Amino acid sequence: AAVRFILEINIVWGDALDFKTKDEPRVPIRFSEWSPVNGSMLKRRDF
């Protein structure tokens, strides 16, 4: 489930030329940075 969830967020239906998603409403594409902390913990930050 964790792998599916991450892929759902990391692989985006969008246009990399105008930096927006293709689904409506079209909004700026954001990506999540996943960083390991304290062993088995993950820290997510969106950019």
ModelCIF file with pLDDT and N, C-alpha, C, O atoms, coordinates in Angstrom:
data_MODEL
#
_entry.id   MODEL 
#
_entity.id                         1 
_entity.type                       polymer 
_entity.pdbx_number_of_molecules   1 
#
_entity_poly.entity_id                      1 
_entity_poly.type                           'polypeptide(L)' 
_entity_poly.nstd_linkage                   no 
_entity_poly.nstd_monomer                   no 
_entity_poly.pdbx_seq_one_letter_code       AAVRFILEINIVWGDALDFKTKDEPRVPIRFSEWSPVNGSMLKRRDF 
_entity_poly.pdbx_seq_one_letter_code_can   AAVRFILEINIVWGDALDFKTKDEPRVPIRFSEWSPVNGSMLKRRDF 
_entity_poly.pdbx_strand_id                 A 
#
loop_
_entity_poly_seq.entity_id 
_entity_poly_seq.num 
_entity_poly_seq.mon_id 
_entity_poly_seq.hetero 
1 1  ALA n 
1 2  ALA n 
1 3  VAL n 
1 4  ARG n 
1 5  PHE n 
1 6  ILE n 
1 7  LEU n 
1 8  GLU n 
1 9  ILE n 
1 10 ASN n 
1 11 ILE n 
1 12 VAL n 
1 13 TRP n 
1 14 GLY n 
1 15 ASP n 
1 16 ALA n 
1 17 LEU n 
1 18 ASP n 
1 19 PHE n 
1 20 LYS n 
1 21 THR n 
1 22 LYS n 
1 23 ASP n 
1 24 GLU n 
1 25 PRO n 
1 26 ARG n 
1 27 VAL n 
1 28 PRO n 
1 29 ILE n 
1 30 ARG n 
1 31 PHE n 
1 32 SER n 
1 33 GLU n 
1 34 TRP n 
1 35 SER n 
1 36 PRO n 
1 37 VAL n 
1 38 ASN n 
1 39 GLY n 
1 40 SER n 
1 41 MET n 
1 42 LEU n 
1 43 LYS n 
1 44 ARG n 
1 45 ARG n 
1 46 ASP n 
1 47 PHE n 
#
_struct_asym.id          A 
_struct_asym.entity_id   1 
#
loop_
_ma_qa_metric.id 
_ma_qa_metric.mode 
_ma_qa_metric.name 
_ma_qa_metric.software_group_id 
_ma_qa_metric.type 
1 global pLDDT . pLDDT 
2 local  pLDDT . pLDDT 
#
_ma_qa_metric_global.metric_id      1 
_ma_qa_metric_global.metric_value   94.30 
_ma_qa_metric_global.model_id       1 
_ma_qa_metric_global.ordinal_id     1 
#
loop_
_ma_qa_metric_local.label_asym_id 
_ma_qa_metric_local.label_comp_id 
_ma_qa_metric_local.label_seq_id 
_ma_qa_metric_local.metric_id 
_ma_qa_metric_local.metric_value 
_ma_qa_metric_local.model_id 
_ma_qa_metric_local.ordinal_id 
A ALA 1  2 97.00 1 1  
A ALA 2  2 98.00 1 2  
A VAL 3  2 98.00 1 3  
A ARG 4  2 98.00 1 4  
A PHE 5  2 97.00 1 5  
A ILE 6  2 98.00 1 6  
A LEU 7  2 98.00 1 7  
A GLU 8  2 97.00 1 8  
A ILE 9  2 96.00 1 9  
A ASN 10 2 97.00 1 10 
A ILE 11 2 98.00 1 11 
A VAL 12 2 97.00 1 12 
A TRP 13 2 97.00 1 13 
A GLY 14 2 96.00 1 14 
A ASP 15 2 95.00 1 15 
A ALA 16 2 90.00 1 16 
A LEU 17 2 90.00 1 17 
A ASP 18 2 91.00 1 18 
A PHE 19 2 91.00 1 19 
A LYS 20 2 94.00 1 20 
A THR 21 2 95.00 1 21 
A LYS 22 2 95.00 1 22 
A ASP 23 2 91.00 1 23 
A GLU 24 2 90.00 1 24 
A PRO 25 2 91.00 1 25 
A ARG 26 2 94.00 1 26 
A VAL 27 2 94.00 1 27 
A PRO 28 2 93.00 1 28 
A ILE 29 2 93.00 1 29 
A ARG 30 2 93.00 1 30 
A PHE 31 2 92.00 1 31 
A SER 32 2 94.00 1 32 
A GLU 33 2 94.00 1 33 
A TRP 34 2 96.00 1 34 
A SER 35 2 95.00 1 35 
A PRO 36 2 95.00 1 36 
A VAL 37 2 94.00 1 37 
A ASN 38 2 88.00 1 38 
A GLY 39 2 86.00 1 39 
A SER 40 2 93.00 1 40 
A MET 41 2 96.00 1 41 
A LEU 42 2 96.00 1 42 
A LYS 43 2 96.00 1 43 
A ARG 44 2 96.00 1 44 
A ARG 45 2 94.00 1 45 
A ASP 46 2 94.00 1 46 
A PHE 47 2 91.00 1 47 
#
loop_
_atom_site.group_PDB 
_atom_site.id 
_atom_site.type_symbol 
_atom_site.label_atom_id 
_atom_site.label_alt_id 
_atom_site.label_comp_id 
_atom_site.label_asym_id 
_atom_site.label_entity_id 
_atom_site.label_seq_id 
_atom_site.pdbx_PDB_ins_code 
_atom_site.Cartn_x 
_atom_site.Cartn_y 
_atom_site.Cartn_z 
_atom_site.occupancy 
_atom_site.B_iso_or_equiv 
_atom_site.pdbx_formal_charge 
_atom_site.auth_seq_id 
_atom_site.auth_comp_id 
_atom_site.auth_asym_id 
_atom_site.auth_atom_id 
_atom_site.pdbx_PDB_model_num 
ATOM 1   N N  . ALA A 1 1  ? 0.831   -1.201 0.000   1.00 97.00 ? 1  ALA A N  1 
ATOM 2   C CA . ALA A 1 1  ? 0.000   0.000  0.000   1.00 97.00 ? 1  ALA A CA 1 
ATOM 3   C C  . ALA A 1 1  ? 0.867   1.252  0.000   1.00 97.00 ? 1  ALA A C  1 
ATOM 4   O O  . ALA A 1 1  ? 0.533   2.235  -0.663  1.00 97.00 ? 1  ALA A O  1 
ATOM 5   N N  . ALA A 1 2  ? 1.980   1.229  0.739   1.00 98.00 ? 2  ALA A N  1 
ATOM 6   C CA . ALA A 1 2  ? 2.889   2.376  0.772   1.00 98.00 ? 2  ALA A CA 1 
ATOM 7   C C  . ALA A 1 2  ? 3.485   2.636  -0.611  1.00 98.00 ? 2  ALA A C  1 
ATOM 8   O O  . ALA A 1 2  ? 3.586   3.784  -1.045  1.00 98.00 ? 2  ALA A O  1 
ATOM 9   N N  . VAL A 1 3  ? 3.875   1.566  -1.295  1.00 98.00 ? 3  VAL A N  1 
ATOM 10  C CA . VAL A 1 3  ? 4.447   1.710  -2.638  1.00 98.00 ? 3  VAL A CA 1 
ATOM 11  C C  . VAL A 1 3  ? 3.406   2.266  -3.602  1.00 98.00 ? 3  VAL A C  1 
ATOM 12  O O  . VAL A 1 3  ? 3.706   3.175  -4.376  1.00 98.00 ? 3  VAL A O  1 
ATOM 13  N N  . ARG A 1 4  ? 2.199   1.736  -3.565  1.00 98.00 ? 4  ARG A N  1 
ATOM 14  C CA . ARG A 1 4  ? 1.133   2.240  -4.440  1.00 98.00 ? 4  ARG A CA 1 
ATOM 15  C C  . ARG A 1 4  ? 0.837   3.712  -4.150  1.00 98.00 ? 4  ARG A C  1 
ATOM 16  O O  . ARG A 1 4  ? 0.647   4.502  -5.076  1.00 98.00 ? 4  ARG A O  1 
ATOM 17  N N  . PHE A 1 5  ? 0.798   4.076  -2.889  1.00 97.00 ? 5  PHE A N  1 
ATOM 18  C CA . PHE A 1 5  ? 0.489   5.444  -2.492  1.00 97.00 ? 5  PHE A CA 1 
ATOM 19  C C  . PHE A 1 5  ? 1.552   6.407  -3.021  1.00 97.00 ? 5  PHE A C  1 
ATOM 20  O O  . PHE A 1 5  ? 1.226   7.461  -3.567  1.00 97.00 ? 5  PHE A O  1 
ATOM 21  N N  . ILE A 1 6  ? 2.810   6.043  -2.859  1.00 98.00 ? 6  ILE A N  1 
ATOM 22  C CA . ILE A 1 6  ? 3.905   6.898  -3.325  1.00 98.00 ? 6  ILE A CA 1 
ATOM 23  C C  . ILE A 1 6  ? 3.869   7.034  -4.844  1.00 98.00 ? 6  ILE A C  1 
ATOM 24  O O  . ILE A 1 6  ? 4.064   8.131  -5.369  1.00 98.00 ? 6  ILE A O  1 
ATOM 25  N N  . LEU A 1 7  ? 3.626   5.946  -5.550  1.00 98.00 ? 7  LEU A N  1 
ATOM 26  C CA . LEU A 1 7  ? 3.564   6.005  -7.011  1.00 98.00 ? 7  LEU A CA 1 
ATOM 27  C C  . LEU A 1 7  ? 2.391   6.878  -7.474  1.00 98.00 ? 7  LEU A C  1 
ATOM 28  O O  . LEU A 1 7  ? 2.499   7.577  -8.482  1.00 98.00 ? 7  LEU A O  1 
ATOM 29  N N  . GLU A 1 8  ? 1.287   6.841  -6.751  1.00 97.00 ? 8  GLU A N  1 
ATOM 30  C CA . GLU A 1 8  ? 0.131   7.670  -7.092  1.00 97.00 ? 8  GLU A CA 1 
ATOM 31  C C  . GLU A 1 8  ? 0.496   9.154  -7.014  1.00 97.00 ? 8  GLU A C  1 
ATOM 32  O O  . GLU A 1 8  ? -0.003  9.965  -7.794  1.00 97.00 ? 8  GLU A O  1 
ATOM 33  N N  . ILE A 1 9  ? 1.361   9.498  -6.077  1.00 96.00 ? 9  ILE A N  1 
ATOM 34  C CA . ILE A 1 9  ? 1.773   10.891 -5.886  1.00 96.00 ? 9  ILE A CA 1 
ATOM 35  C C  . ILE A 1 9  ? 2.933   11.267 -6.804  1.00 96.00 ? 9  ILE A C  1 
ATOM 36  O O  . ILE A 1 9  ? 2.971   12.374 -7.341  1.00 96.00 ? 9  ILE A O  1 
ATOM 37  N N  . ASN A 1 10 ? 3.874   10.348 -6.983  1.00 97.00 ? 10 ASN A N  1 
ATOM 38  C CA . ASN A 1 10 ? 5.100   10.667 -7.723  1.00 97.00 ? 10 ASN A CA 1 
ATOM 39  C C  . ASN A 1 10 ? 4.951   10.613 -9.240  1.00 97.00 ? 10 ASN A C  1 
ATOM 40  O O  . ASN A 1 10 ? 5.715   11.265 -9.951  1.00 97.00 ? 10 ASN A O  1 
ATOM 41  N N  . ILE A 1 11 ? 3.988   9.853  -9.749  1.00 98.00 ? 11 ILE A N  1 
ATOM 42  C CA . ILE A 1 11 ? 3.776   9.751  -11.192 1.00 98.00 ? 11 ILE A CA 1 
ATOM 43  C C  . ILE A 1 11 ? 2.502   10.527 -11.512 1.00 98.00 ? 11 ILE A C  1 
ATOM 44  O O  . ILE A 1 11 ? 1.402   10.106 -11.152 1.00 98.00 ? 11 ILE A O  1 
ATOM 45  N N  . VAL A 1 12 ? 2.657   11.657 -12.189 1.00 97.00 ? 12 VAL A N  1 
ATOM 46  C CA . VAL A 1 12 ? 1.594   12.651 -12.278 1.00 97.00 ? 12 VAL A CA 1 
ATOM 47  C C  . VAL A 1 12 ? 1.064   12.790 -13.704 1.00 97.00 ? 12 VAL A C  1 
ATOM 48  O O  . VAL A 1 12 ? 1.827   12.813 -14.670 1.00 97.00 ? 12 VAL A O  1 
ATOM 49  N N  . TRP A 1 13 ? -0.253  12.881 -13.809 1.00 97.00 ? 13 TRP A N  1 
ATOM 50  C CA . TRP A 1 13 ? -0.888  13.211 -15.085 1.00 97.00 ? 13 TRP A CA 1 
ATOM 51  C C  . TRP A 1 13 ? -0.849  14.731 -15.231 1.00 97.00 ? 13 TRP A C  1 
ATOM 52  O O  . TRP A 1 13 ? -1.617  15.447 -14.588 1.00 97.00 ? 13 TRP A O  1 
ATOM 53  N N  . GLY A 1 14 ? 0.045   15.210 -16.076 1.00 96.00 ? 14 GLY A N  1 
ATOM 54  C CA . GLY A 1 14 ? 0.204   16.645 -16.198 1.00 96.00 ? 14 GLY A CA 1 
ATOM 55  C C  . GLY A 1 14 ? 1.014   17.025 -17.424 1.00 96.00 ? 14 GLY A C  1 
ATOM 56  O O  . GLY A 1 14 ? 1.409   16.173 -18.219 1.00 96.00 ? 14 GLY A O  1 
ATOM 57  N N  . ASP A 1 15 ? 1.253   18.314 -17.558 1.00 95.00 ? 15 ASP A N  1 
ATOM 58  C CA . ASP A 1 15 ? 2.007   18.870 -18.677 1.00 95.00 ? 15 ASP A CA 1 
ATOM 59  C C  . ASP A 1 15 ? 3.255   19.537 -18.105 1.00 95.00 ? 15 ASP A C  1 
ATOM 60  O O  . ASP A 1 15 ? 3.167   20.574 -17.448 1.00 95.00 ? 15 ASP A O  1 
ATOM 61  N N  . ALA A 1 16 ? 4.411   18.937 -18.358 1.00 90.00 ? 16 ALA A N  1 
ATOM 62  C CA . ALA A 1 16 ? 5.651   19.466 -17.803 1.00 90.00 ? 16 ALA A CA 1 
ATOM 63  C C  . ALA A 1 16 ? 6.075   20.767 -18.462 1.00 90.00 ? 16 ALA A C  1 
ATOM 64  O O  . ALA A 1 16 ? 7.002   21.420 -17.983 1.00 90.00 ? 16 ALA A O  1 
ATOM 65  N N  . LEU A 1 17 ? 5.414   21.162 -19.558 1.00 90.00 ? 17 LEU A N  1 
ATOM 66  C CA . LEU A 1 17 ? 5.750   22.430 -20.213 1.00 90.00 ? 17 LEU A CA 1 
ATOM 67  C C  . LEU A 1 17 ? 5.104   23.621 -19.515 1.00 90.00 ? 17 LEU A C  1 
ATOM 68  O O  . LEU A 1 17 ? 5.708   24.688 -19.415 1.00 90.00 ? 17 LEU A O  1 
ATOM 69  N N  . ASP A 1 18 ? 3.878   23.437 -19.035 1.00 91.00 ? 18 ASP A N  1 
ATOM 70  C CA . ASP A 1 18 ? 3.243   24.553 -18.315 1.00 91.00 ? 18 ASP A CA 1 
ATOM 71  C C  . ASP A 1 18 ? 3.157   24.303 -16.814 1.00 91.00 ? 18 ASP A C  1 
ATOM 72  O O  . ASP A 1 18 ? 2.589   25.105 -16.071 1.00 91.00 ? 18 ASP A O  1 
ATOM 73  N N  . PHE A 1 19 ? 3.734   23.169 -16.372 1.00 91.00 ? 19 PHE A N  1 
ATOM 74  C CA . PHE A 1 19 ? 3.861   22.851 -14.947 1.00 91.00 ? 19 PHE A CA 1 
ATOM 75  C C  . PHE A 1 19 ? 2.512   22.656 -14.252 1.00 91.00 ? 19 PHE A C  1 
ATOM 76  O O  . PHE A 1 19 ? 2.406   22.880 -13.047 1.00 91.00 ? 19 PHE A O  1 
ATOM 77  N N  . LYS A 1 20 ? 1.477   22.241 -14.994 1.00 94.00 ? 20 LYS A N  1 
ATOM 78  C CA . LYS A 1 20 ? 0.157   22.072 -14.401 1.00 94.00 ? 20 LYS A CA 1 
ATOM 79  C C  . LYS A 1 20 ? -0.367  20.655 -14.634 1.00 94.00 ? 20 LYS A C  1 
ATOM 80  O O  . LYS A 1 20 ? 0.010   19.981 -15.593 1.00 94.00 ? 20 LYS A O  1 
ATOM 81  N N  . THR A 1 21 ? -1.245  20.225 -13.732 1.00 95.00 ? 21 THR A N  1 
ATOM 82  C CA . THR A 1 21 ? -1.902  18.933 -13.889 1.00 95.00 ? 21 THR A CA 1 
ATOM 83  C C  . THR A 1 21 ? -2.863  18.996 -15.075 1.00 95.00 ? 21 THR A C  1 
ATOM 84  O O  . THR A 1 21 ? -3.273  20.080 -15.489 1.00 95.00 ? 21 THR A O  1 
ATOM 85  N N  . LYS A 1 22 ? -3.219  17.837 -15.615 1.00 95.00 ? 22 LYS A N  1 
ATOM 86  C CA . LYS A 1 22 ? -4.172  17.797 -16.728 1.00 95.00 ? 22 LYS A CA 1 
ATOM 87  C C  . LYS A 1 22 ? -5.607  17.621 -16.255 1.00 95.00 ? 22 LYS A C  1 
ATOM 88  O O  . LYS A 1 22 ? -6.538  18.012 -16.960 1.00 95.00 ? 22 LYS A O  1 
ATOM 89  N N  . ASP A 1 23 ? -5.803  17.041 -15.079 1.00 91.00 ? 23 ASP A N  1 
ATOM 90  C CA . ASP A 1 23 ? -7.166  16.876 -14.581 1.00 91.00 ? 23 ASP A CA 1 
ATOM 91  C C  . ASP A 1 23 ? -7.687  18.230 -14.089 1.00 91.00 ? 23 ASP A C  1 
ATOM 92  O O  . ASP A 1 23 ? -6.918  19.084 -13.647 1.00 91.00 ? 23 ASP A O  1 
ATOM 93  N N  . GLU A 1 24 ? -8.994  18.401 -14.174 1.00 90.00 ? 24 GLU A N  1 
ATOM 94  C CA . GLU A 1 24 ? -9.612  19.666 -13.785 1.00 90.00 ? 24 GLU A CA 1 
ATOM 95  C C  . GLU A 1 24 ? -9.945  19.672 -12.294 1.00 90.00 ? 24 GLU A C  1 
ATOM 96  O O  . GLU A 1 24 ? -10.320 18.635 -11.747 1.00 90.00 ? 24 GLU A O  1 
ATOM 97  N N  . PRO A 1 25 ? -9.815  20.820 -11.628 1.00 91.00 ? 25 PRO A N  1 
ATOM 98  C CA . PRO A 1 25 ? -9.212  22.046 -12.159 1.00 91.00 ? 25 PRO A CA 1 
ATOM 99  C C  . PRO A 1 25 ? -7.704  21.888 -12.296 1.00 91.00 ? 25 PRO A C  1 
ATOM 100 O O  . PRO A 1 25 ? -7.060  21.261 -11.455 1.00 91.00 ? 25 PRO A O  1 
ATOM 101 N N  . ARG A 1 26 ? -7.143  22.459 -13.359 1.00 94.00 ? 26 ARG A N  1 
ATOM 102 C CA . ARG A 1 26 ? -5.701  22.383 -13.582 1.00 94.00 ? 26 ARG A CA 1 
ATOM 103 C C  . ARG A 1 26 ? -4.983  23.243 -12.543 1.00 94.00 ? 26 ARG A C  1 
ATOM 104 O O  . ARG A 1 26 ? -5.231  24.442 -12.422 1.00 94.00 ? 26 ARG A O  1 
ATOM 105 N N  . VAL A 1 27 ? -4.106  22.609 -11.814 1.00 94.00 ? 27 VAL A N  1 
ATOM 106 C CA . VAL A 1 27 ? -3.376  23.310 -10.750 1.00 94.00 ? 27 VAL A CA 1 
ATOM 107 C C  . VAL A 1 27 ? -1.889  23.047 -10.930 1.00 94.00 ? 27 VAL A C  1 
ATOM 108 O O  . VAL A 1 27 ? -1.512  22.094 -11.612 1.00 94.00 ? 27 VAL A O  1 
ATOM 109 N N  . PRO A 1 28 ? -1.037  23.873 -10.332 1.00 93.00 ? 28 PRO A N  1 
ATOM 110 C CA . PRO A 1 28 ? 0.410   23.640 -10.431 1.00 93.00 ? 28 PRO A CA 1 
ATOM 111 C C  . PRO A 1 28 ? 0.793   22.256 -9.905  1.00 93.00 ? 28 PRO A C  1 
ATOM 112 O O  . PRO A 1 28 ? 0.307   21.818 -8.862  1.00 93.00 ? 28 PRO A O  1 
ATOM 113 N N  . ILE A 1 29 ? 1.665   21.584 -10.640 1.00 93.00 ? 29 ILE A N  1 
ATOM 114 C CA . ILE A 1 29 ? 2.155   20.272 -10.215 1.00 93.00 ? 29 ILE A CA 1 
ATOM 115 C C  . ILE A 1 29 ? 3.072   20.442 -9.009  1.00 93.00 ? 29 ILE A C  1 
ATOM 116 O O  . ILE A 1 29 ? 3.961   21.293 -8.993  1.00 93.00 ? 29 ILE A O  1 
ATOM 117 N N  . ARG A 1 30 ? 2.835   19.625 -8.019  1.00 93.00 ? 30 ARG A N  1 
ATOM 118 C CA . ARG A 1 30 ? 3.733   19.577 -6.878  1.00 93.00 ? 30 ARG A CA 1 
ATOM 119 C C  . ARG A 1 30 ? 4.269   18.156 -6.731  1.00 93.00 ? 30 ARG A C  1 
ATOM 120 O O  . ARG A 1 30 ? 3.589   17.179 -7.044  1.00 93.00 ? 30 ARG A O  1 
ATOM 121 N N  . PHE A 1 31 ? 5.487   18.071 -6.255  1.00 92.00 ? 31 PHE A N  1 
ATOM 122 C CA . PHE A 1 31 ? 6.100   16.776 -6.005  1.00 92.00 ? 31 PHE A CA 1 
ATOM 123 C C  . PHE A 1 31 ? 6.504   16.677 -4.544  1.00 92.00 ? 31 PHE A C  1 
ATOM 124 O O  . PHE A 1 31 ? 6.813   17.679 -3.899  1.00 92.00 ? 31 PHE A O  1 
ATOM 125 N N  . SER A 1 32 ? 6.496   15.465 -4.038  1.00 94.00 ? 32 SER A N  1 
ATOM 126 C CA . SER A 1 32 ? 6.851   15.219 -2.648  1.00 94.00 ? 32 SER A CA 1 
ATOM 127 C C  . SER A 1 32 ? 8.281   14.707 -2.542  1.00 94.00 ? 32 SER A C  1 
ATOM 128 O O  . SER A 1 32 ? 8.690   13.790 -3.255  1.00 94.00 ? 32 SER A O  1 
ATOM 129 N N  . GLU A 1 33 ? 9.016   15.316 -1.646  1.00 94.00 ? 33 GLU A N  1 
ATOM 130 C CA . GLU A 1 33 ? 10.342  14.825 -1.276  1.00 94.00 ? 33 GLU A CA 1 
ATOM 131 C C  . GLU A 1 33 ? 10.155  13.887 -0.084  1.00 94.00 ? 33 GLU A C  1 
ATOM 132 O O  . GLU A 1 33 ? 9.574   14.271 0.932   1.00 94.00 ? 33 GLU A O  1 
ATOM 133 N N  . TRP A 1 34 ? 10.650  12.659 -0.214  1.00 96.00 ? 34 TRP A N  1 
ATOM 134 C CA . TRP A 1 34 ? 10.531  11.662 0.853   1.00 96.00 ? 34 TRP A CA 1 
ATOM 135 C C  . TRP A 1 34 ? 11.924  11.435 1.435   1.00 96.00 ? 34 TRP A C  1 
ATOM 136 O O  . TRP A 1 34 ? 12.819  10.963 0.735   1.00 96.00 ? 34 TRP A O  1 
ATOM 137 N N  . SER A 1 35 ? 12.107  11.763 2.692   1.00 95.00 ? 35 SER A N  1 
ATOM 138 C CA . SER A 1 35 ? 13.431  11.659 3.308   1.00 95.00 ? 35 SER A CA 1 
ATOM 139 C C  . SER A 1 35 ? 13.379  10.753 4.532   1.00 95.00 ? 35 SER A C  1 
ATOM 140 O O  . SER A 1 35 ? 12.508  10.919 5.387   1.00 95.00 ? 35 SER A O  1 
ATOM 141 N N  . PRO A 1 36 ? 14.305  9.791  4.628   1.00 95.00 ? 36 PRO A N  1 
ATOM 142 C CA . PRO A 1 36 ? 14.326  8.910  5.798   1.00 95.00 ? 36 PRO A CA 1 
ATOM 143 C C  . PRO A 1 36 ? 14.827  9.646  7.036   1.00 95.00 ? 36 PRO A C  1 
ATOM 144 O O  . PRO A 1 36 ? 15.793  10.406 6.973   1.00 95.00 ? 36 PRO A O  1 
ATOM 145 N N  . VAL A 1 37 ? 14.165  9.414  8.147   1.00 94.00 ? 37 VAL A N  1 
ATOM 146 C CA . VAL A 1 37 ? 14.594  9.988  9.428   1.00 94.00 ? 37 VAL A CA 1 
ATOM 147 C C  . VAL A 1 37 ? 14.412  8.925  10.514  1.00 94.00 ? 37 VAL A C  1 
ATOM 148 O O  . VAL A 1 37 ? 13.417  8.200  10.522  1.00 94.00 ? 37 VAL A O  1 
ATOM 149 N N  . ASN A 1 38 ? 15.356  8.842  11.403  1.00 88.00 ? 38 ASN A N  1 
ATOM 150 C CA . ASN A 1 38 ? 15.242  7.940  12.560  1.00 88.00 ? 38 ASN A CA 1 
ATOM 151 C C  . ASN A 1 38 ? 14.888  6.510  12.165  1.00 88.00 ? 38 ASN A C  1 
ATOM 152 O O  . ASN A 1 38 ? 13.958  5.916  12.711  1.00 88.00 ? 38 ASN A O  1 
ATOM 153 N N  . GLY A 1 39 ? 15.626  5.974  11.227  1.00 86.00 ? 39 GLY A N  1 
ATOM 154 C CA . GLY A 1 39 ? 15.418  4.572  10.874  1.00 86.00 ? 39 GLY A CA 1 
ATOM 155 C C  . GLY A 1 39 ? 14.248  4.334  9.954   1.00 86.00 ? 39 GLY A C  1 
ATOM 156 O O  . GLY A 1 39 ? 14.360  4.519  8.743   1.00 86.00 ? 39 GLY A O  1 
ATOM 157 N N  . SER A 1 40 ? 13.115  3.923  10.517  1.00 93.00 ? 40 SER A N  1 
ATOM 158 C CA . SER A 1 40 ? 11.962  3.524  9.707   1.00 93.00 ? 40 SER A CA 1 
ATOM 159 C C  . SER A 1 40 ? 10.972  4.653  9.447   1.00 93.00 ? 40 SER A C  1 
ATOM 160 O O  . SER A 1 40 ? 9.900   4.411  8.894   1.00 93.00 ? 40 SER A O  1 
ATOM 161 N N  . MET A 1 41 ? 11.305  5.867  9.830   1.00 96.00 ? 41 MET A N  1 
ATOM 162 C CA . MET A 1 41 ? 10.397  6.992  9.621   1.00 96.00 ? 41 MET A CA 1 
ATOM 163 C C  . MET A 1 41 ? 10.705  7.689  8.299   1.00 96.00 ? 41 MET A C  1 
ATOM 164 O O  . MET A 1 41 ? 11.851  7.724  7.850   1.00 96.00 ? 41 MET A O  1 
ATOM 165 N N  . LEU A 1 42 ? 9.659   8.242  7.686   1.00 96.00 ? 42 LEU A N  1 
ATOM 166 C CA . LEU A 1 42 ? 9.812   9.029  6.472   1.00 96.00 ? 42 LEU A CA 1 
ATOM 167 C C  . LEU A 1 42 ? 9.235   10.415 6.691   1.00 96.00 ? 42 LEU A C  1 
ATOM 168 O O  . LEU A 1 42 ? 8.179   10.570 7.306   1.00 96.00 ? 42 LEU A O  1 
ATOM 169 N N  . LYS A 1 43 ? 9.931   11.415 6.186   1.00 96.00 ? 43 LYS A N  1 
ATOM 170 C CA . LYS A 1 43 ? 9.481   12.796 6.248   1.00 96.00 ? 43 LYS A CA 1 
ATOM 171 C C  . LYS A 1 43 ? 9.095   13.234 4.838   1.00 96.00 ? 43 LYS A C  1 
ATOM 172 O O  . LYS A 1 43 ? 9.897   13.138 3.908   1.00 96.00 ? 43 LYS A O  1 
ATOM 173 N N  . ARG A 1 44 ? 7.858   13.718 4.686   1.00 96.00 ? 44 ARG A N  1 
ATOM 174 C CA . ARG A 1 44 ? 7.374   14.170 3.381   1.00 96.00 ? 44 ARG A CA 1 
ATOM 175 C C  . ARG A 1 44 ? 7.281   15.697 3.350   1.00 96.00 ? 44 ARG A C  1 
ATOM 176 O O  . ARG A 1 44 ? 6.728   16.323 4.254   1.00 96.00 ? 44 ARG A O  1 
ATOM 177 N N  . ARG A 1 45 ? 7.847   16.286 2.267   1.00 94.00 ? 45 ARG A N  1 
ATOM 178 C CA . ARG A 1 45 ? 7.727   17.722 2.044   1.00 94.00 ? 45 ARG A CA 1 
ATOM 179 C C  . ARG A 1 45 ? 7.347   17.940 0.578   1.00 94.00 ? 45 ARG A C  1 
ATOM 180 O O  . ARG A 1 45 ? 7.946   17.342 -0.316  1.00 94.00 ? 45 ARG A O  1 
ATOM 181 N N  . ASP A 1 46 ? 6.363   18.788 0.336   1.00 94.00 ? 46 ASP A N  1 
ATOM 182 C CA . ASP A 1 46 ? 5.890   19.042 -1.026  1.00 94.00 ? 46 ASP A CA 1 
ATOM 183 C C  . ASP A 1 46 ? 6.496   20.324 -1.585  1.00 94.00 ? 46 ASP A C  1 
ATOM 184 O O  . ASP A 1 46 ? 6.541   21.354 -0.912  1.00 94.00 ? 46 ASP A O  1 
ATOM 185 N N  . PHE A 1 47 ? 6.967   20.239 -2.843  1.00 91.00 ? 47 PHE A N  1 
ATOM 186 C CA . PHE A 1 47 ? 7.542   21.387 -3.540  1.00 91.00 ? 47 PHE A CA 1 
ATOM 187 C C  . PHE A 1 47 ? 6.842   21.570 -4.890  1.00 91.00 ? 47 PHE A C  1 
ATOM 188 O O  . PHE A 1 47 ? 7.178   22.487 -5.640  1.00 91.00 ? 47 PHE A O  1 
#
